[in-house]
Amino acid sequence: MTHRFQGLSQTAQAVPTSELRDGIYLVRVDKVQYRWHVRKPCYLLRLSVLEPYAFAGQVISGRLYCTTKALWKLGWFLRDFGYDVERLGRDEVDEKAIVGLRGVTKITHTVIHGALLLNFDGFAPASQWPEQSPATLSSIMPVPEARP
């Protein structure tokens, strides 16, 4: 018996996050999904790499946590990717309004208990993507201090 699953072929084309090197990428938000958890609610992000061109079309999947201690990073992401300031002022996050936003992210990988995890280490507006070299972004994307 054969079953058809719309979109299954696209999963074969997506490059797993683990194949992307640690670095800085210009990306577009393709999908956002809120996941509730008692201790660690989060947003699951699916980002498509736009530049550098050698990695264009590859996918970055990761989480942004929504705990009290981690809200600073979610706010940083939303501000730098151009999310609606009025909604931010009302403490609102609309998943549909995030899809399509563009910005710059710095990613690194960490192995914890044998699992490869992706970290979002920084964000910047898409307008700050350099034409010459991603290495110049390190000066405009300092990692802010975590706030208690």
N, C-alpha and C. Protein backbone atom coordinates (compact mmCIF):
# COMPACT_ATOMS: atom_id res chain seq x y z
N MET A 1 0.84 -1.17 0.00
CA MET A 1 0.00 0.00 0.00
C MET A 1 0.89 1.25 0.00
N THR A 2 0.53 2.22 -0.80
CA THR A 2 1.30 3.45 -0.92
C THR A 2 0.53 4.61 -0.30
N HIS A 3 1.26 5.43 0.44
CA HIS A 3 0.66 6.63 1.04
C HIS A 3 1.37 7.85 0.49
N ARG A 4 0.62 8.91 0.27
CA ARG A 4 1.19 10.16 -0.20
C ARG A 4 1.15 11.19 0.93
N PHE A 5 2.27 11.91 1.10
CA PHE A 5 2.37 12.96 2.10
C PHE A 5 2.85 14.23 1.42
N GLN A 6 1.94 15.21 1.28
CA GLN A 6 2.28 16.47 0.65
C GLN A 6 3.47 17.11 1.37
N GLY A 7 4.51 17.47 0.64
CA GLY A 7 5.67 18.13 1.20
C GLY A 7 6.78 17.21 1.66
N LEU A 8 6.58 15.89 1.60
CA LEU A 8 7.60 14.94 2.05
C LEU A 8 8.88 15.06 1.24
N SER A 9 8.76 15.33 -0.05
CA SER A 9 9.95 15.43 -0.90
C SER A 9 10.83 16.62 -0.50
N GLN A 10 10.22 17.66 0.07
CA GLN A 10 11.00 18.82 0.48
C GLN A 10 11.89 18.50 1.67
N THR A 11 11.52 17.55 2.48
CA THR A 11 12.34 17.20 3.64
C THR A 11 13.65 16.55 3.21
N ALA A 12 13.63 15.88 2.08
CA ALA A 12 14.85 15.24 1.58
C ALA A 12 15.83 16.28 1.04
N GLN A 13 15.30 17.44 0.62
CA GLN A 13 16.15 18.49 0.06
C GLN A 13 16.77 19.37 1.14
N ALA A 14 16.12 19.46 2.30
CA ALA A 14 16.62 20.33 3.36
C ALA A 14 17.90 19.75 3.95
N VAL A 15 18.89 20.58 4.10
CA VAL A 15 20.15 20.15 4.69
C VAL A 15 20.04 20.26 6.19
N PRO A 16 20.35 19.22 6.93
CA PRO A 16 20.26 19.29 8.38
C PRO A 16 21.14 20.41 8.94
N THR A 17 20.69 20.99 10.06
CA THR A 17 21.41 22.09 10.69
C THR A 17 22.85 21.71 11.00
N SER A 18 23.07 20.45 11.37
CA SER A 18 24.40 20.04 11.77
C SER A 18 25.42 20.17 10.64
N GLU A 19 24.96 20.27 9.38
CA GLU A 19 25.90 20.40 8.27
C GLU A 19 26.31 21.85 8.03
N LEU A 20 25.58 22.79 8.61
CA LEU A 20 25.99 24.19 8.51
C LEU A 20 27.09 24.45 9.51
N ARG A 21 28.09 25.18 9.08
CA ARG A 21 29.19 25.51 9.98
C ARG A 21 28.75 26.59 10.96
N ASP A 22 29.48 26.66 12.08
CA ASP A 22 29.28 27.79 12.98
C ASP A 22 29.62 29.04 12.19
N GLY A 23 28.79 30.06 12.32
CA GLY A 23 29.07 31.28 11.58
C GLY A 23 27.91 32.24 11.58
N ILE A 24 28.01 33.21 10.69
CA ILE A 24 27.04 34.29 10.59
C ILE A 24 26.33 34.19 9.25
N TYR A 25 24.99 34.27 9.29
CA TYR A 25 24.18 34.06 8.09
C TYR A 25 23.08 35.11 7.98
N LEU A 26 22.79 35.52 6.77
CA LEU A 26 21.61 36.33 6.48
C LEU A 26 20.49 35.33 6.24
N VAL A 27 19.38 35.47 6.99
CA VAL A 27 18.33 34.47 6.94
C VAL A 27 16.95 35.11 6.82
N ARG A 28 15.98 34.27 6.43
CA ARG A 28 14.57 34.65 6.39
C ARG A 28 13.80 33.65 7.26
N VAL A 29 12.84 34.13 8.02
CA VAL A 29 12.03 33.26 8.86
C VAL A 29 11.00 32.57 7.99
N ASP A 30 11.05 31.23 7.95
CA ASP A 30 10.08 30.45 7.17
C ASP A 30 8.92 29.94 8.01
N LYS A 31 9.22 29.62 9.27
CA LYS A 31 8.18 29.04 10.11
C LYS A 31 8.49 29.34 11.57
N VAL A 32 7.44 29.61 12.33
CA VAL A 32 7.55 29.85 13.77
C VAL A 32 6.43 29.08 14.43
N GLN A 33 6.76 28.37 15.49
CA GLN A 33 5.73 27.61 16.20
C GLN A 33 6.01 27.65 17.69
N TYR A 34 5.00 28.05 18.47
CA TYR A 34 5.13 28.10 19.91
C TYR A 34 4.95 26.70 20.48
N ARG A 35 5.81 26.32 21.39
CA ARG A 35 5.72 25.03 22.09
C ARG A 35 5.65 25.30 23.58
N TRP A 36 4.55 24.92 24.19
CA TRP A 36 4.38 25.12 25.61
C TRP A 36 5.02 23.97 26.37
N HIS A 37 5.72 24.30 27.44
CA HIS A 37 6.30 23.33 28.34
C HIS A 37 6.29 23.98 29.72
N VAL A 38 6.05 23.19 30.75
CA VAL A 38 5.94 23.73 32.11
C VAL A 38 7.17 24.55 32.48
N ARG A 39 8.35 24.03 32.22
CA ARG A 39 9.58 24.72 32.64
C ARG A 39 10.23 25.54 31.53
N LYS A 40 10.09 25.10 30.28
CA LYS A 40 10.81 25.78 29.20
C LYS A 40 9.93 25.97 27.96
N PRO A 41 8.98 26.90 28.01
CA PRO A 41 8.23 27.19 26.78
C PRO A 41 9.19 27.83 25.77
N CYS A 42 8.93 27.60 24.48
CA CYS A 42 9.85 28.13 23.48
C CYS A 42 9.15 28.33 22.15
N TYR A 43 9.82 29.04 21.27
CA TYR A 43 9.43 29.14 19.87
C TYR A 43 10.40 28.30 19.07
N LEU A 44 9.87 27.43 18.23
CA LEU A 44 10.69 26.68 17.28
C LEU A 44 10.80 27.53 16.03
N LEU A 45 12.01 27.77 15.58
CA LEU A 45 12.24 28.59 14.40
C LEU A 45 12.79 27.74 13.26
N ARG A 46 12.32 28.03 12.08
CA ARG A 46 12.89 27.45 10.87
C ARG A 46 13.29 28.63 9.99
N LEU A 47 14.59 28.77 9.78
CA LEU A 47 15.14 29.88 9.03
C LEU A 47 15.79 29.37 7.75
N SER A 48 15.60 30.09 6.66
CA SER A 48 16.26 29.76 5.39
C SER A 48 17.45 30.69 5.20
N VAL A 49 18.58 30.12 4.87
CA VAL A 49 19.78 30.92 4.64
C VAL A 49 19.67 31.60 3.28
N LEU A 50 19.90 32.91 3.27
CA LEU A 50 19.91 33.69 2.03
C LEU A 50 21.34 33.96 1.57
N GLU A 51 22.22 34.25 2.51
CA GLU A 51 23.64 34.48 2.23
C GLU A 51 24.44 33.96 3.40
N PRO A 52 25.67 33.57 3.23
CA PRO A 52 26.46 33.56 2.01
C PRO A 52 25.85 32.60 0.97
N TYR A 53 26.07 32.94 -0.28
CA TYR A 53 25.45 32.21 -1.38
C TYR A 53 25.81 30.72 -1.39
N ALA A 54 26.96 30.37 -0.87
CA ALA A 54 27.36 28.96 -0.84
C ALA A 54 26.42 28.13 0.02
N PHE A 55 25.71 28.77 0.94
CA PHE A 55 24.79 28.06 1.83
C PHE A 55 23.33 28.42 1.57
N ALA A 56 23.06 29.20 0.55
CA ALA A 56 21.69 29.65 0.26
C ALA A 56 20.75 28.46 0.09
N GLY A 57 19.58 28.58 0.71
CA GLY A 57 18.57 27.53 0.63
C GLY A 57 18.65 26.51 1.75
N GLN A 58 19.75 26.48 2.46
CA GLN A 58 19.85 25.55 3.58
C GLN A 58 19.00 26.06 4.74
N VAL A 59 18.69 25.16 5.64
CA VAL A 59 17.76 25.45 6.72
C VAL A 59 18.47 25.44 8.07
N ILE A 60 18.12 26.42 8.90
CA ILE A 60 18.58 26.46 10.28
C ILE A 60 17.33 26.28 11.14
N SER A 61 17.33 25.27 11.98
CA SER A 61 16.21 25.04 12.90
C SER A 61 16.73 25.12 14.32
N GLY A 62 16.04 25.88 15.13
CA GLY A 62 16.46 26.03 16.52
C GLY A 62 15.33 26.55 17.37
N ARG A 63 15.66 26.78 18.63
CA ARG A 63 14.66 27.22 19.61
C ARG A 63 15.07 28.54 20.24
N LEU A 64 14.05 29.35 20.51
CA LEU A 64 14.23 30.54 21.34
C LEU A 64 13.30 30.36 22.53
N TYR A 65 13.89 30.28 23.70
CA TYR A 65 13.10 30.01 24.90
C TYR A 65 12.37 31.26 25.37
N CYS A 66 11.23 31.04 26.04
CA CYS A 66 10.37 32.13 26.51
C CYS A 66 10.29 32.18 28.03
N THR A 67 11.27 31.64 28.70
CA THR A 67 11.30 31.72 30.16
C THR A 67 11.63 33.16 30.56
N THR A 68 11.37 33.50 31.79
CA THR A 68 11.64 34.85 32.27
C THR A 68 13.09 35.24 32.04
N LYS A 69 14.01 34.30 32.30
CA LYS A 69 15.43 34.60 32.12
C LYS A 69 15.86 34.71 30.66
N ALA A 70 15.09 34.11 29.76
CA ALA A 70 15.50 34.08 28.35
C ALA A 70 14.73 35.07 27.48
N LEU A 71 13.81 35.83 28.04
CA LEU A 71 13.02 36.76 27.23
C LEU A 71 13.88 37.82 26.55
N TRP A 72 15.01 38.16 27.13
CA TRP A 72 15.89 39.16 26.51
C TRP A 72 16.33 38.72 25.13
N LYS A 73 16.58 37.41 24.95
CA LYS A 73 17.05 36.92 23.65
C LYS A 73 15.91 36.93 22.64
N LEU A 74 14.71 36.55 23.07
CA LEU A 74 13.54 36.60 22.18
C LEU A 74 13.30 38.05 21.75
N GLY A 75 13.38 38.99 22.69
CA GLY A 75 13.21 40.40 22.35
C GLY A 75 14.28 40.89 21.39
N TRP A 76 15.51 40.46 21.59
CA TRP A 76 16.61 40.83 20.70
C TRP A 76 16.33 40.34 19.28
N PHE A 77 15.92 39.09 19.17
CA PHE A 77 15.58 38.51 17.86
C PHE A 77 14.47 39.33 17.19
N LEU A 78 13.38 39.57 17.93
CA LEU A 78 12.23 40.27 17.35
C LEU A 78 12.60 41.69 16.92
N ARG A 79 13.31 42.42 17.75
CA ARG A 79 13.70 43.80 17.41
C ARG A 79 14.59 43.84 16.18
N ASP A 80 15.63 42.99 16.16
CA ASP A 80 16.58 43.04 15.04
C ASP A 80 16.01 42.51 13.73
N PHE A 81 15.02 41.66 13.80
CA PHE A 81 14.40 41.14 12.59
C PHE A 81 13.24 42.02 12.11
N GLY A 82 13.00 43.13 12.81
CA GLY A 82 12.01 44.10 12.34
C GLY A 82 10.58 43.78 12.71
N TYR A 83 10.37 43.08 13.82
CA TYR A 83 9.01 42.78 14.28
C TYR A 83 8.31 44.08 14.68
N ASP A 84 7.00 44.12 14.57
CA ASP A 84 6.18 45.28 14.86
C ASP A 84 6.41 45.81 16.28
N VAL A 85 6.86 47.06 16.38
CA VAL A 85 7.21 47.67 17.67
C VAL A 85 5.96 47.85 18.54
N GLU A 86 4.82 48.12 17.93
CA GLU A 86 3.59 48.29 18.71
C GLU A 86 3.21 46.98 19.41
N ARG A 87 3.31 45.89 18.71
CA ARG A 87 3.01 44.59 19.32
C ARG A 87 3.99 44.27 20.44
N LEU A 88 5.26 44.59 20.21
CA LEU A 88 6.25 44.37 21.26
C LEU A 88 5.90 45.19 22.50
N GLY A 89 5.44 46.41 22.29
CA GLY A 89 5.06 47.28 23.39
C GLY A 89 3.87 46.74 24.18
N ARG A 90 3.04 45.93 23.51
CA ARG A 90 1.88 45.31 24.18
C ARG A 90 2.20 43.89 24.65
N ASP A 91 3.49 43.49 24.58
CA ASP A 91 3.93 42.15 24.98
C ASP A 91 3.27 41.05 24.15
N GLU A 92 3.00 41.34 22.87
CA GLU A 92 2.34 40.38 21.99
C GLU A 92 3.32 39.82 20.96
N VAL A 93 3.20 38.53 20.72
CA VAL A 93 3.97 37.90 19.65
C VAL A 93 2.99 37.16 18.74
N ASP A 94 2.92 37.58 17.49
CA ASP A 94 2.05 36.97 16.49
C ASP A 94 2.93 36.16 15.54
N GLU A 95 2.76 34.85 15.58
CA GLU A 95 3.60 33.97 14.76
C GLU A 95 3.51 34.31 13.28
N LYS A 96 2.32 34.63 12.80
CA LYS A 96 2.15 34.95 11.38
C LYS A 96 2.91 36.21 10.98
N ALA A 97 3.04 37.16 11.92
CA ALA A 97 3.75 38.40 11.62
C ALA A 97 5.26 38.21 11.60
N ILE A 98 5.75 37.12 12.17
CA ILE A 98 7.20 36.86 12.19
C ILE A 98 7.66 36.21 10.89
N VAL A 99 6.79 35.38 10.30
CA VAL A 99 7.15 34.67 9.06
C VAL A 99 7.45 35.69 7.97
N GLY A 100 8.58 35.50 7.31
CA GLY A 100 8.99 36.38 6.23
C GLY A 100 9.99 37.45 6.65
N LEU A 101 10.13 37.67 7.96
CA LEU A 101 11.10 38.66 8.42
C LEU A 101 12.52 38.20 8.09
N ARG A 102 13.39 39.16 7.86
CA ARG A 102 14.79 38.85 7.52
C ARG A 102 15.72 39.50 8.52
N GLY A 103 16.84 38.86 8.72
CA GLY A 103 17.85 39.41 9.62
C GLY A 103 19.10 38.57 9.56
N VAL A 104 20.03 38.90 10.44
CA VAL A 104 21.31 38.21 10.50
C VAL A 104 21.36 37.45 11.82
N THR A 105 21.88 36.23 11.78
CA THR A 105 22.05 35.46 13.01
C THR A 105 23.42 34.82 13.03
N LYS A 106 23.93 34.68 14.22
CA LYS A 106 25.19 33.96 14.42
C LYS A 106 24.83 32.66 15.13
N ILE A 107 25.28 31.53 14.57
CA ILE A 107 24.98 30.24 15.18
C ILE A 107 26.26 29.52 15.57
N THR A 108 26.14 28.73 16.62
CA THR A 108 27.20 27.82 17.02
C THR A 108 26.54 26.50 17.40
N HIS A 109 27.33 25.45 17.43
CA HIS A 109 26.85 24.14 17.81
C HIS A 109 27.54 23.69 19.10
N THR A 110 26.78 23.00 19.94
CA THR A 110 27.30 22.49 21.20
C THR A 110 26.84 21.05 21.35
N VAL A 111 27.69 20.21 21.90
CA VAL A 111 27.30 18.83 22.20
C VAL A 111 27.04 18.73 23.70
N ILE A 112 25.81 18.35 24.05
CA ILE A 112 25.43 18.16 25.45
C ILE A 112 24.82 16.77 25.58
N HIS A 113 25.43 15.97 26.42
CA HIS A 113 24.99 14.58 26.64
C HIS A 113 24.87 13.82 25.32
N GLY A 114 25.80 14.06 24.42
CA GLY A 114 25.83 13.34 23.15
C GLY A 114 24.92 13.89 22.08
N ALA A 115 24.14 14.93 22.38
CA ALA A 115 23.23 15.51 21.39
C ALA A 115 23.82 16.82 20.86
N LEU A 116 23.77 16.98 19.55
CA LEU A 116 24.26 18.20 18.92
C LEU A 116 23.16 19.25 18.96
N LEU A 117 23.42 20.35 19.64
CA LEU A 117 22.42 21.42 19.79
C LEU A 117 22.90 22.69 19.11
N LEU A 118 21.95 23.42 18.53
CA LEU A 118 22.25 24.67 17.88
C LEU A 118 21.96 25.82 18.84
N ASN A 119 22.87 26.79 18.88
CA ASN A 119 22.69 27.98 19.70
C ASN A 119 22.59 29.20 18.79
N PHE A 120 21.63 30.07 19.08
CA PHE A 120 21.59 31.37 18.43
C PHE A 120 22.41 32.30 19.32
N ASP A 121 23.59 32.69 18.86
CA ASP A 121 24.50 33.50 19.67
C ASP A 121 24.36 35.00 19.42
N GLY A 122 23.66 35.38 18.37
CA GLY A 122 23.52 36.80 18.11
C GLY A 122 22.57 37.08 16.97
N PHE A 123 22.08 38.32 16.95
CA PHE A 123 21.17 38.77 15.89
C PHE A 123 21.55 40.18 15.49
N ALA A 124 21.22 40.56 14.26
CA ALA A 124 21.42 41.92 13.77
C ALA A 124 20.40 42.16 12.66
N PRO A 125 20.07 43.42 12.40
CA PRO A 125 19.16 43.72 11.28
C PRO A 125 19.78 43.31 9.95
N ALA A 126 18.93 42.96 9.00
CA ALA A 126 19.40 42.55 7.67
C ALA A 126 20.19 43.67 7.00
N SER A 127 19.87 44.91 7.33
CA SER A 127 20.57 46.04 6.72
C SER A 127 22.06 46.07 7.09
N GLN A 128 22.44 45.34 8.13
CA GLN A 128 23.83 45.34 8.55
C GLN A 128 24.62 44.18 7.95
N TRP A 129 24.00 43.42 7.06
CA TRP A 129 24.73 42.34 6.39
C TRP A 129 25.79 42.95 5.50
N PRO A 130 27.04 42.61 5.71
CA PRO A 130 28.11 43.23 4.91
C PRO A 130 28.21 42.61 3.52
N GLU A 131 28.55 43.44 2.58
CA GLU A 131 28.74 42.97 1.21
C GLU A 131 30.04 42.18 1.07
N GLN A 132 31.07 42.56 1.84
CA GLN A 132 32.39 41.98 1.66
C GLN A 132 32.55 40.65 2.40
N SER A 133 32.42 40.67 3.73
CA SER A 133 32.79 39.50 4.50
C SER A 133 31.97 39.39 5.77
N PRO A 134 31.43 38.20 6.06
CA PRO A 134 30.68 38.02 7.31
C PRO A 134 31.55 38.25 8.55
N ALA A 135 32.84 38.19 8.43
CA ALA A 135 33.72 38.37 9.58
C ALA A 135 33.57 39.77 10.18
N THR A 136 33.20 40.74 9.35
CA THR A 136 33.05 42.10 9.85
C THR A 136 31.83 42.25 10.76
N LEU A 137 30.92 41.30 10.73
CA LEU A 137 29.72 41.38 11.56
C LEU A 137 30.01 41.20 13.04
N SER A 138 31.10 40.57 13.39
CA SER A 138 31.37 40.33 14.80
C SER A 138 31.45 41.63 15.58
N SER A 139 31.82 42.71 14.94
CA SER A 139 31.91 43.98 15.64
C SER A 139 30.54 44.61 15.87
N ILE A 140 29.53 44.27 15.05
CA ILE A 140 28.20 44.85 15.23
C ILE A 140 27.25 43.92 15.95
N MET A 141 27.67 42.69 16.26
CA MET A 141 26.80 41.73 16.92
C MET A 141 27.35 41.25 18.25
N PRO A 142 27.68 42.15 19.16
CA PRO A 142 28.18 41.67 20.45
C PRO A 142 27.07 40.94 21.19
N VAL A 143 27.44 39.93 21.94
CA VAL A 143 26.45 39.19 22.72
C VAL A 143 26.18 39.99 23.99
N PRO A 144 24.91 40.42 24.20
CA PRO A 144 24.62 41.20 25.40
C PRO A 144 24.65 40.33 26.64
N GLU A 145 24.81 40.98 27.77
CA GLU A 145 24.83 40.27 29.04
C GLU A 145 23.46 39.67 29.31
N ALA A 146 23.41 38.45 29.79
CA ALA A 146 22.15 37.83 30.18
C ALA A 146 21.64 38.55 31.42
N ARG A 147 20.36 38.85 31.38
CA ARG A 147 19.77 39.57 32.52
C ARG A 147 19.02 38.59 33.40
N PRO A 148 19.14 38.71 34.72
CA PRO A 148 18.44 37.77 35.62
C PRO A 148 16.95 37.94 35.58
